[in-house]
Amino acid sequence: MNQRILLATPPFTQLNTPYPATAYLKGFLNSKGATAYQADLGIEVMLELFSKQGLTQLFERLEGFTGEVSENIQRIFHLQEYYLQTIDAVMSFLQHEHDTLAYQICERNFLPEAGRFAQLTDLEWAFGTLGIRYKARHLATLYLEDLADLIKETIDPHFGFSRYAEKLGVAIVSFDGMYEALKSPNSLVFEIQ
């Protein structure tokens, strides 16, 4: 009997840290005759959220948003059509599927720019010899961080690329905060799972 096994990396682990355990386990199980598959749900959730379809859902959900937001979030609302037009290309670029987009990104007239771009210093000095792709990847990351700020400020205060809801478990004295967070309605981020 040939066993089929799925090894899954859970969502909301640190995206910037590779987790090789499932790859090693998959290789080991395959060498023993089992049919093993591997899935990284963290990447899958982010790819779905940061797509034209995912951002469309996000902006539609925010149409009726009545809470107070910062000037930065107001700017992102104002630029939402530009985010919808560029998100798929940016994600493709970040996955090395569309490397020539680096030139457009570095021209600084392709990506919508919100608060994270205000932190930029002299890019030529910072990326001079590293090349245009690294500079473009940095700008694309700022673009995604602006969108993460939107999510965090409007629909999911626990959202983050590397430490989702980390504050709920740090130096915990009582489980009340975690319990309240678990009882709260799911955000769009959780509905994607």
N, C-alpha and C. Protein backbone atom coordinates (compact mmCIF):
# COMPACT_ATOMS: atom_id res chain seq x y z
N MET A 1 0.84 -1.18 0.00
CA MET A 1 0.00 0.00 0.00
C MET A 1 0.89 1.25 0.00
N ASN A 2 0.66 2.13 -0.94
CA ASN A 2 1.42 3.36 -1.05
C ASN A 2 0.72 4.48 -0.28
N GLN A 3 1.35 4.96 0.76
CA GLN A 3 0.76 6.03 1.56
C GLN A 3 0.97 7.38 0.88
N ARG A 4 -0.05 8.23 1.00
CA ARG A 4 0.07 9.60 0.51
C ARG A 4 0.05 10.52 1.73
N ILE A 5 1.04 11.38 1.81
CA ILE A 5 1.21 12.24 2.98
C ILE A 5 1.36 13.68 2.53
N LEU A 6 0.65 14.57 3.20
CA LEU A 6 0.79 16.01 2.95
C LEU A 6 1.48 16.64 4.15
N LEU A 7 2.57 17.31 3.89
CA LEU A 7 3.29 18.05 4.93
C LEU A 7 3.02 19.53 4.69
N ALA A 8 2.46 20.20 5.69
CA ALA A 8 2.08 21.60 5.52
C ALA A 8 2.79 22.49 6.52
N THR A 9 3.36 23.57 6.01
CA THR A 9 3.87 24.63 6.87
C THR A 9 2.68 25.53 7.15
N PRO A 10 2.36 25.76 8.41
CA PRO A 10 1.15 26.53 8.73
C PRO A 10 1.26 27.99 8.32
N PRO A 11 0.11 28.63 8.14
CA PRO A 11 0.15 30.06 7.81
C PRO A 11 0.62 30.88 9.01
N PHE A 12 1.08 32.06 8.71
CA PHE A 12 1.49 33.05 9.71
C PHE A 12 2.75 32.68 10.47
N THR A 13 3.58 31.83 9.86
CA THR A 13 4.93 31.66 10.37
C THR A 13 5.74 32.77 9.71
N GLN A 14 6.97 32.93 10.10
CA GLN A 14 7.77 34.02 9.55
C GLN A 14 8.07 33.76 8.09
N LEU A 15 7.52 34.62 7.22
CA LEU A 15 7.72 34.44 5.79
C LEU A 15 9.16 34.67 5.36
N ASN A 16 9.88 35.47 6.12
CA ASN A 16 11.26 35.78 5.74
C ASN A 16 12.25 34.75 6.28
N THR A 17 11.76 33.68 6.86
CA THR A 17 12.61 32.62 7.40
C THR A 17 12.22 31.30 6.75
N PRO A 18 13.13 30.68 6.01
CA PRO A 18 12.78 29.40 5.40
C PRO A 18 12.63 28.30 6.45
N TYR A 19 11.65 27.46 6.25
CA TYR A 19 11.42 26.31 7.12
C TYR A 19 11.69 25.05 6.31
N PRO A 20 12.91 24.52 6.35
CA PRO A 20 13.26 23.39 5.50
C PRO A 20 12.75 22.04 6.00
N ALA A 21 12.16 22.00 7.18
CA ALA A 21 11.77 20.71 7.76
C ALA A 21 10.85 19.92 6.84
N THR A 22 9.84 20.57 6.26
CA THR A 22 8.91 19.82 5.41
C THR A 22 9.60 19.31 4.15
N ALA A 23 10.55 20.07 3.62
CA ALA A 23 11.28 19.61 2.43
C ALA A 23 12.12 18.38 2.76
N TYR A 24 12.80 18.42 3.90
CA TYR A 24 13.61 17.27 4.31
C TYR A 24 12.73 16.05 4.59
N LEU A 25 11.63 16.27 5.29
CA LEU A 25 10.71 15.15 5.57
C LEU A 25 10.14 14.57 4.28
N LYS A 26 9.78 15.44 3.35
CA LYS A 26 9.24 14.97 2.07
C LYS A 26 10.26 14.09 1.36
N GLY A 27 11.50 14.54 1.30
CA GLY A 27 12.56 13.75 0.67
C GLY A 27 12.76 12.42 1.36
N PHE A 28 12.78 12.42 2.68
CA PHE A 28 12.95 11.18 3.44
C PHE A 28 11.79 10.22 3.17
N LEU A 29 10.56 10.73 3.25
CA LEU A 29 9.39 9.87 3.04
C LEU A 29 9.36 9.32 1.62
N ASN A 30 9.72 10.14 0.65
CA ASN A 30 9.77 9.66 -0.73
C ASN A 30 10.81 8.56 -0.88
N SER A 31 11.94 8.68 -0.17
CA SER A 31 12.98 7.65 -0.26
C SER A 31 12.53 6.33 0.37
N LYS A 32 11.53 6.39 1.24
CA LYS A 32 10.99 5.19 1.89
C LYS A 32 9.77 4.64 1.15
N GLY A 33 9.47 5.20 0.00
CA GLY A 33 8.37 4.68 -0.81
C GLY A 33 7.03 5.35 -0.59
N ALA A 34 6.95 6.28 0.31
CA ALA A 34 5.68 7.00 0.52
C ALA A 34 5.58 8.14 -0.49
N THR A 35 4.39 8.45 -0.88
CA THR A 35 4.16 9.59 -1.76
C THR A 35 3.88 10.79 -0.87
N ALA A 36 4.82 11.73 -0.86
CA ALA A 36 4.70 12.89 0.03
C ALA A 36 4.57 14.16 -0.78
N TYR A 37 3.76 15.06 -0.29
CA TYR A 37 3.55 16.37 -0.90
C TYR A 37 3.86 17.43 0.14
N GLN A 38 4.20 18.59 -0.33
CA GLN A 38 4.57 19.68 0.57
C GLN A 38 3.77 20.92 0.19
N ALA A 39 3.27 21.64 1.20
CA ALA A 39 2.55 22.89 0.97
C ALA A 39 2.97 23.91 2.02
N ASP A 40 3.18 25.13 1.58
CA ASP A 40 3.51 26.22 2.50
C ASP A 40 2.29 27.14 2.55
N LEU A 41 1.47 26.95 3.56
CA LEU A 41 0.23 27.71 3.65
C LEU A 41 0.48 29.18 3.96
N GLY A 42 1.60 29.50 4.57
CA GLY A 42 1.94 30.89 4.82
C GLY A 42 2.09 31.66 3.52
N ILE A 43 2.82 31.08 2.60
CA ILE A 43 3.01 31.72 1.30
C ILE A 43 1.70 31.74 0.52
N GLU A 44 0.95 30.64 0.58
CA GLU A 44 -0.32 30.57 -0.15
C GLU A 44 -1.30 31.65 0.31
N VAL A 45 -1.40 31.86 1.62
CA VAL A 45 -2.31 32.89 2.14
C VAL A 45 -1.86 34.27 1.66
N MET A 46 -0.57 34.54 1.74
CA MET A 46 -0.08 35.86 1.32
C MET A 46 -0.25 36.07 -0.18
N LEU A 47 -0.03 35.02 -0.98
CA LEU A 47 -0.21 35.16 -2.42
C LEU A 47 -1.67 35.43 -2.78
N GLU A 48 -2.57 34.84 -2.03
CA GLU A 48 -3.98 35.10 -2.29
C GLU A 48 -4.39 36.49 -1.82
N LEU A 49 -3.93 36.89 -0.64
CA LEU A 49 -4.27 38.21 -0.11
C LEU A 49 -3.67 39.31 -0.98
N PHE A 50 -2.41 39.15 -1.37
CA PHE A 50 -1.73 40.16 -2.17
C PHE A 50 -1.81 39.80 -3.65
N SER A 51 -3.03 39.74 -4.13
CA SER A 51 -3.35 39.53 -5.54
C SER A 51 -4.43 40.55 -5.89
N LYS A 52 -4.73 40.70 -7.15
CA LYS A 52 -5.79 41.64 -7.54
C LYS A 52 -7.11 41.22 -6.91
N GLN A 53 -7.40 39.94 -6.93
CA GLN A 53 -8.64 39.44 -6.33
C GLN A 53 -8.66 39.69 -4.82
N GLY A 54 -7.56 39.41 -4.14
CA GLY A 54 -7.49 39.61 -2.70
C GLY A 54 -7.62 41.07 -2.31
N LEU A 55 -6.92 41.95 -3.05
CA LEU A 55 -7.02 43.38 -2.74
C LEU A 55 -8.40 43.92 -3.08
N THR A 56 -9.02 43.38 -4.13
CA THR A 56 -10.39 43.80 -4.46
C THR A 56 -11.31 43.47 -3.29
N GLN A 57 -11.19 42.27 -2.74
CA GLN A 57 -12.00 41.90 -1.57
C GLN A 57 -11.71 42.82 -0.39
N LEU A 58 -10.45 43.12 -0.18
CA LEU A 58 -10.05 43.99 0.92
C LEU A 58 -10.68 45.38 0.76
N PHE A 59 -10.52 45.98 -0.40
CA PHE A 59 -11.06 47.33 -0.61
C PHE A 59 -12.59 47.33 -0.58
N GLU A 60 -13.22 46.27 -1.09
CA GLU A 60 -14.69 46.19 -1.01
C GLU A 60 -15.14 46.11 0.45
N ARG A 61 -14.43 45.35 1.24
CA ARG A 61 -14.77 45.23 2.66
C ARG A 61 -14.61 46.58 3.36
N LEU A 62 -13.68 47.37 2.90
CA LEU A 62 -13.40 48.65 3.55
C LEU A 62 -14.29 49.79 3.05
N GLU A 63 -15.11 49.54 2.02
CA GLU A 63 -15.99 50.59 1.50
C GLU A 63 -16.88 51.18 2.59
N GLY A 64 -17.37 50.37 3.48
CA GLY A 64 -18.24 50.86 4.53
C GLY A 64 -17.51 51.16 5.83
N PHE A 65 -16.19 51.18 5.80
CA PHE A 65 -15.40 51.39 7.01
C PHE A 65 -15.65 52.80 7.55
N THR A 66 -16.01 52.88 8.82
CA THR A 66 -16.34 54.18 9.41
C THR A 66 -15.36 54.61 10.49
N GLY A 67 -14.40 53.79 10.80
CA GLY A 67 -13.43 54.15 11.84
C GLY A 67 -12.48 55.24 11.38
N GLU A 68 -11.81 55.84 12.34
CA GLU A 68 -10.82 56.86 12.01
C GLU A 68 -9.56 56.18 11.51
N VAL A 69 -8.97 56.78 10.49
CA VAL A 69 -7.73 56.25 9.93
C VAL A 69 -6.72 57.38 9.77
N SER A 70 -5.48 57.00 9.70
CA SER A 70 -4.39 57.97 9.54
C SER A 70 -4.40 58.55 8.13
N GLU A 71 -3.62 59.60 7.95
CA GLU A 71 -3.47 60.19 6.61
C GLU A 71 -2.87 59.17 5.65
N ASN A 72 -1.98 58.34 6.15
CA ASN A 72 -1.36 57.32 5.31
C ASN A 72 -2.41 56.37 4.75
N ILE A 73 -3.33 55.92 5.58
CA ILE A 73 -4.37 54.99 5.13
C ILE A 73 -5.34 55.70 4.19
N GLN A 74 -5.63 56.96 4.45
CA GLN A 74 -6.47 57.74 3.53
C GLN A 74 -5.82 57.81 2.16
N ARG A 75 -4.51 57.98 2.13
CA ARG A 75 -3.79 58.02 0.85
C ARG A 75 -3.91 56.67 0.13
N ILE A 76 -3.77 55.59 0.86
CA ILE A 76 -3.88 54.26 0.24
C ILE A 76 -5.29 54.07 -0.32
N PHE A 77 -6.32 54.47 0.43
CA PHE A 77 -7.70 54.42 -0.09
C PHE A 77 -7.79 55.18 -1.41
N HIS A 78 -7.21 56.37 -1.43
CA HIS A 78 -7.26 57.22 -2.62
C HIS A 78 -6.54 56.57 -3.81
N LEU A 79 -5.50 55.80 -3.53
CA LEU A 79 -4.70 55.18 -4.59
C LEU A 79 -5.10 53.73 -4.88
N GLN A 80 -6.24 53.29 -4.38
CA GLN A 80 -6.57 51.87 -4.48
C GLN A 80 -6.59 51.35 -5.92
N GLU A 81 -7.03 52.14 -6.88
CA GLU A 81 -7.04 51.66 -8.27
C GLU A 81 -5.62 51.36 -8.76
N TYR A 82 -4.66 52.16 -8.33
CA TYR A 82 -3.27 51.92 -8.71
C TYR A 82 -2.72 50.65 -8.05
N TYR A 83 -3.13 50.41 -6.82
CA TYR A 83 -2.72 49.17 -6.15
C TYR A 83 -3.31 47.96 -6.89
N LEU A 84 -4.57 48.06 -7.27
CA LEU A 84 -5.21 46.95 -7.99
C LEU A 84 -4.56 46.71 -9.35
N GLN A 85 -4.11 47.77 -9.99
CA GLN A 85 -3.47 47.64 -11.31
C GLN A 85 -2.06 47.06 -11.23
N THR A 86 -1.41 47.21 -10.10
CA THR A 86 0.01 46.84 -10.01
C THR A 86 0.31 45.60 -9.18
N ILE A 87 -0.61 45.16 -8.34
CA ILE A 87 -0.28 44.11 -7.36
C ILE A 87 0.17 42.80 -8.00
N ASP A 88 -0.51 42.34 -9.04
CA ASP A 88 -0.12 41.05 -9.64
C ASP A 88 1.27 41.13 -10.27
N ALA A 89 1.57 42.25 -10.92
CA ALA A 89 2.89 42.41 -11.52
C ALA A 89 3.98 42.46 -10.45
N VAL A 90 3.71 43.15 -9.35
CA VAL A 90 4.70 43.25 -8.27
C VAL A 90 4.95 41.88 -7.65
N MET A 91 3.90 41.13 -7.39
CA MET A 91 4.08 39.79 -6.81
C MET A 91 4.83 38.88 -7.78
N SER A 92 4.55 39.01 -9.05
CA SER A 92 5.27 38.23 -10.06
C SER A 92 6.76 38.61 -10.05
N PHE A 93 7.04 39.89 -9.96
CA PHE A 93 8.43 40.36 -9.89
C PHE A 93 9.13 39.80 -8.65
N LEU A 94 8.47 39.85 -7.51
CA LEU A 94 9.09 39.38 -6.27
C LEU A 94 9.33 37.87 -6.27
N GLN A 95 8.63 37.16 -7.15
CA GLN A 95 8.84 35.71 -7.28
C GLN A 95 9.78 35.38 -8.44
N HIS A 96 10.48 36.38 -8.95
CA HIS A 96 11.46 36.23 -10.04
C HIS A 96 10.82 35.76 -11.34
N GLU A 97 9.56 36.09 -11.55
CA GLU A 97 8.88 35.69 -12.78
C GLU A 97 8.84 36.83 -13.79
N HIS A 98 9.17 38.04 -13.36
CA HIS A 98 9.06 39.21 -14.23
C HIS A 98 10.16 40.20 -13.87
N ASP A 99 11.41 39.76 -14.00
CA ASP A 99 12.55 40.56 -13.55
C ASP A 99 12.70 41.89 -14.27
N THR A 100 12.23 41.99 -15.50
CA THR A 100 12.38 43.25 -16.24
C THR A 100 11.54 44.38 -15.64
N LEU A 101 10.60 44.05 -14.78
CA LEU A 101 9.80 45.08 -14.12
C LEU A 101 10.66 45.94 -13.19
N ALA A 102 11.83 45.48 -12.85
CA ALA A 102 12.72 46.24 -11.96
C ALA A 102 12.96 47.64 -12.48
N TYR A 103 13.12 47.78 -13.78
CA TYR A 103 13.39 49.10 -14.35
C TYR A 103 12.22 50.05 -14.15
N GLN A 104 11.00 49.56 -14.37
CA GLN A 104 9.81 50.39 -14.17
C GLN A 104 9.65 50.77 -12.70
N ILE A 105 9.87 49.81 -11.82
CA ILE A 105 9.73 50.09 -10.39
C ILE A 105 10.72 51.16 -9.95
N CYS A 106 11.95 51.06 -10.43
CA CYS A 106 12.99 52.01 -10.01
C CYS A 106 12.80 53.40 -10.60
N GLU A 107 12.00 53.54 -11.63
CA GLU A 107 11.70 54.86 -12.18
C GLU A 107 10.85 55.68 -11.22
N ARG A 108 10.21 55.02 -10.26
CA ARG A 108 9.40 55.64 -9.21
C ARG A 108 8.12 56.27 -9.74
N ASN A 109 7.63 55.79 -10.88
CA ASN A 109 6.32 56.25 -11.36
C ASN A 109 5.40 55.07 -11.66
N PHE A 110 5.80 53.88 -11.24
CA PHE A 110 4.99 52.68 -11.47
C PHE A 110 4.18 52.32 -10.23
N LEU A 111 4.81 52.29 -9.08
CA LEU A 111 4.14 51.89 -7.84
C LEU A 111 3.45 53.08 -7.18
N PRO A 112 2.26 52.86 -6.63
CA PRO A 112 1.69 53.90 -5.77
C PRO A 112 2.53 53.97 -4.50
N GLU A 113 2.75 55.16 -4.00
CA GLU A 113 3.62 55.32 -2.84
C GLU A 113 2.86 55.97 -1.70
N ALA A 114 2.90 55.31 -0.55
CA ALA A 114 2.27 55.86 0.66
C ALA A 114 3.35 56.04 1.73
N GLY A 115 2.99 55.92 2.98
CA GLY A 115 3.84 56.27 4.10
C GLY A 115 5.20 55.62 4.16
N ARG A 116 5.32 54.38 3.79
CA ARG A 116 6.62 53.69 3.90
C ARG A 116 7.67 54.32 2.99
N PHE A 117 7.23 54.92 1.90
CA PHE A 117 8.18 55.53 0.97
C PHE A 117 8.75 56.84 1.52
N ALA A 118 8.09 57.42 2.50
CA ALA A 118 8.59 58.65 3.12
C ALA A 118 9.89 58.40 3.87
N GLN A 119 10.17 57.16 4.19
CA GLN A 119 11.38 56.80 4.94
C GLN A 119 12.61 56.65 4.05
N LEU A 120 12.41 56.77 2.75
CA LEU A 120 13.52 56.54 1.82
C LEU A 120 14.60 57.59 1.97
N THR A 121 15.82 57.12 1.91
CA THR A 121 16.96 58.03 1.90
C THR A 121 17.55 57.97 0.49
N ASP A 122 18.78 58.21 0.35
CA ASP A 122 19.44 58.21 -0.95
C ASP A 122 19.57 56.77 -1.47
N LEU A 123 18.67 56.41 -2.38
CA LEU A 123 18.67 55.04 -2.91
C LEU A 123 19.92 54.73 -3.72
N GLU A 124 20.44 55.72 -4.43
CA GLU A 124 21.63 55.48 -5.23
C GLU A 124 22.82 55.14 -4.32
N TRP A 125 22.91 55.82 -3.20
CA TRP A 125 23.98 55.52 -2.25
C TRP A 125 23.77 54.14 -1.64
N ALA A 126 22.53 53.84 -1.24
CA ALA A 126 22.23 52.59 -0.55
C ALA A 126 22.37 51.37 -1.46
N PHE A 127 22.00 51.51 -2.73
CA PHE A 127 21.97 50.36 -3.63
C PHE A 127 22.94 50.49 -4.80
N GLY A 128 23.77 51.49 -4.80
CA GLY A 128 24.67 51.78 -5.91
C GLY A 128 25.24 50.58 -6.62
N THR A 129 26.05 49.77 -5.96
CA THR A 129 26.71 48.65 -6.63
C THR A 129 25.91 47.36 -6.56
N LEU A 130 24.86 47.33 -5.76
CA LEU A 130 24.08 46.10 -5.64
C LEU A 130 23.22 45.84 -6.87
N GLY A 131 22.85 46.87 -7.57
CA GLY A 131 22.10 46.68 -8.79
C GLY A 131 20.64 47.06 -8.69
N ILE A 132 20.06 47.16 -9.84
CA ILE A 132 18.70 47.66 -9.96
C ILE A 132 17.66 46.68 -9.40
N ARG A 133 17.92 45.39 -9.49
CA ARG A 133 16.94 44.41 -8.97
C ARG A 133 16.79 44.53 -7.46
N TYR A 134 17.89 44.71 -6.75
CA TYR A 134 17.81 44.85 -5.29
C TYR A 134 17.08 46.13 -4.90
N LYS A 135 17.35 47.18 -5.62
CA LYS A 135 16.66 48.45 -5.37
C LYS A 135 15.17 48.28 -5.62
N ALA A 136 14.81 47.63 -6.71
CA ALA A 136 13.40 47.42 -7.05
C ALA A 136 12.73 46.50 -6.03
N ARG A 137 13.42 45.49 -5.56
CA ARG A 137 12.86 44.60 -4.54
C ARG A 137 12.60 45.37 -3.24
N HIS A 138 13.49 46.28 -2.91
CA HIS A 138 13.29 47.11 -1.72
C HIS A 138 12.05 47.99 -1.89
N LEU A 139 11.91 48.62 -3.04
CA LEU A 139 10.74 49.48 -3.29
C LEU A 139 9.45 48.65 -3.30
N ALA A 140 9.50 47.46 -3.88
CA ALA A 140 8.32 46.59 -3.89
C ALA A 140 7.96 46.15 -2.47
N THR A 141 8.96 45.95 -1.63
CA THR A 141 8.70 45.60 -0.24
C THR A 141 8.03 46.75 0.50
N LEU A 142 8.48 47.97 0.25
CA LEU A 142 7.82 49.13 0.87
C LEU A 142 6.36 49.22 0.44
N TYR A 143 6.11 48.93 -0.82
CA TYR A 143 4.75 48.93 -1.37
C TYR A 143 3.88 47.92 -0.61
N LEU A 144 4.40 46.71 -0.39
CA LEU A 144 3.65 45.70 0.35
C LEU A 144 3.49 46.09 1.82
N GLU A 145 4.49 46.71 2.39
CA GLU A 145 4.39 47.15 3.78
C GLU A 145 3.33 48.24 3.94
N ASP A 146 3.17 49.09 2.93
CA ASP A 146 2.08 50.07 2.96
C ASP A 146 0.74 49.35 3.02
N LEU A 147 0.59 48.31 2.20
CA LEU A 147 -0.66 47.54 2.21
C LEU A 147 -0.84 46.82 3.55
N ALA A 148 0.24 46.34 4.12
CA ALA A 148 0.16 45.70 5.44
C ALA A 148 -0.29 46.71 6.50
N ASP A 149 0.17 47.94 6.38
CA ASP A 149 -0.28 48.99 7.30
C ASP A 149 -1.78 49.21 7.17
N LEU A 150 -2.29 49.18 5.94
CA LEU A 150 -3.73 49.31 5.70
C LEU A 150 -4.49 48.20 6.41
N ILE A 151 -4.04 46.97 6.24
CA ILE A 151 -4.70 45.82 6.86
C ILE A 151 -4.66 45.95 8.38
N LYS A 152 -3.50 46.29 8.89
CA LYS A 152 -3.32 46.36 10.34
C LYS A 152 -4.18 47.47 10.96
N GLU A 153 -4.30 48.59 10.28
CA GLU A 153 -5.04 49.72 10.84
C GLU A 153 -6.55 49.60 10.67
N THR A 154 -7.00 48.77 9.73
CA THR A 154 -8.44 48.74 9.44
C THR A 154 -9.14 47.42 9.76
N ILE A 155 -8.56 46.29 9.40
CA ILE A 155 -9.32 45.04 9.55
C ILE A 155 -8.69 44.01 10.47
N ASP A 156 -7.39 44.10 10.72
CA ASP A 156 -6.75 43.06 11.52
C ASP A 156 -5.54 43.64 12.25
N PRO A 157 -5.72 44.08 13.49
CA PRO A 157 -4.62 44.72 14.22
C PRO A 157 -3.44 43.78 14.50
N HIS A 158 -3.64 42.49 14.32
CA HIS A 158 -2.57 41.52 14.60
C HIS A 158 -1.75 41.18 13.36
N PHE A 159 -2.14 41.71 12.20
CA PHE A 159 -1.49 41.33 10.94
C PHE A 159 -0.03 41.75 10.92
N GLY A 160 0.77 40.89 10.32
CA GLY A 160 2.18 41.19 10.10
C GLY A 160 2.78 40.13 9.20
N PHE A 161 3.82 40.49 8.48
CA PHE A 161 4.47 39.53 7.59
C PHE A 161 5.30 38.52 8.36
N SER A 162 5.87 38.93 9.47
CA SER A 162 6.78 38.01 10.14
C SER A 162 6.35 37.60 11.54
N ARG A 163 5.49 38.35 12.17
CA ARG A 163 5.11 38.00 13.55
C ARG A 163 3.63 38.25 13.76
N TYR A 164 2.81 37.43 13.19
CA TYR A 164 1.37 37.61 13.29
C TYR A 164 0.90 37.39 14.73
N ALA A 165 0.22 38.37 15.29
CA ALA A 165 -0.38 38.30 16.63
C ALA A 165 0.63 37.94 17.72
N GLU A 166 1.87 38.28 17.50
CA GLU A 166 2.93 37.93 18.44
C GLU A 166 2.68 38.52 19.83
N LYS A 167 2.14 39.72 19.88
CA LYS A 167 1.96 40.40 21.17
C LYS A 167 0.97 39.68 22.08
N LEU A 168 0.13 38.83 21.51
CA LEU A 168 -0.83 38.10 22.34
C LEU A 168 -0.16 37.10 23.27
N GLY A 169 1.00 36.61 22.88
CA GLY A 169 1.65 35.58 23.67
C GLY A 169 2.93 36.00 24.36
N VAL A 170 3.38 37.23 24.18
CA VAL A 170 4.63 37.69 24.76
C VAL A 170 4.41 38.07 26.22
N ALA A 171 5.22 37.53 27.11
CA ALA A 171 5.18 37.84 28.54
C ALA A 171 3.75 37.76 29.07
N ILE A 172 3.09 36.70 28.75
CA ILE A 172 1.68 36.55 29.11
C ILE A 172 1.53 36.24 30.60
N VAL A 173 0.68 37.00 31.26
CA VAL A 173 0.37 36.78 32.67
C VAL A 173 -1.01 36.14 32.77
N SER A 174 -1.86 36.49 31.83
CA SER A 174 -3.23 35.98 31.80
C SER A 174 -3.57 35.62 30.36
N PHE A 175 -4.46 34.67 30.20
CA PHE A 175 -4.88 34.28 28.86
C PHE A 175 -6.11 35.06 28.41
N ASP A 176 -6.54 36.05 29.17
CA ASP A 176 -7.74 36.81 28.83
C ASP A 176 -7.63 37.50 27.47
N GLY A 177 -6.50 38.14 27.21
CA GLY A 177 -6.31 38.83 25.92
C GLY A 177 -6.36 37.87 24.75
N MET A 178 -5.72 36.71 24.91
CA MET A 178 -5.74 35.71 23.86
C MET A 178 -7.15 35.16 23.67
N TYR A 179 -7.84 34.93 24.77
CA TYR A 179 -9.21 34.41 24.71
C TYR A 179 -10.12 35.40 23.98
N GLU A 180 -10.00 36.68 24.30
CA GLU A 180 -10.82 37.71 23.64
C GLU A 180 -10.50 37.77 22.15
N ALA A 181 -9.23 37.66 21.79
CA ALA A 181 -8.84 37.68 20.38
C ALA A 181 -9.41 36.48 19.64
N LEU A 182 -9.43 35.33 20.29
CA LEU A 182 -9.99 34.13 19.66
C LEU A 182 -11.50 34.21 19.49
N LYS A 183 -12.17 34.93 20.38
CA LYS A 183 -13.63 35.08 20.29
C LYS A 183 -14.04 36.12 19.26
N SER A 184 -13.14 37.01 18.89
CA SER A 184 -13.51 38.08 17.95
C SER A 184 -13.77 37.49 16.56
N PRO A 185 -14.58 38.18 15.75
CA PRO A 185 -14.87 37.68 14.40
C PRO A 185 -13.60 37.58 13.57
N ASN A 186 -13.58 36.61 12.67
CA ASN A 186 -12.44 36.45 11.79
C ASN A 186 -12.34 37.62 10.83
N SER A 187 -11.11 38.02 10.55
CA SER A 187 -10.88 39.08 9.57
C SER A 187 -10.76 38.44 8.19
N LEU A 188 -10.67 39.27 7.18
CA LEU A 188 -10.49 38.79 5.81
C LEU A 188 -9.26 37.90 5.70
N VAL A 189 -8.22 38.21 6.44
CA VAL A 189 -6.99 37.43 6.41
C VAL A 189 -7.26 35.99 6.80
N PHE A 190 -8.07 35.77 7.82
CA PHE A 190 -8.40 34.41 8.25
C PHE A 190 -9.37 33.73 7.30
N GLU A 191 -10.23 34.48 6.66
CA GLU A 191 -11.18 33.89 5.72
C GLU A 191 -10.46 33.32 4.51
N ILE A 192 -9.30 33.84 4.18
CA ILE A 192 -8.53 33.34 3.04
C ILE A 192 -8.06 31.92 3.28
N GLN A 193 -7.75 31.60 4.53
CA GLN A 193 -7.25 30.26 4.83
C GLN A 193 -8.26 29.26 4.36
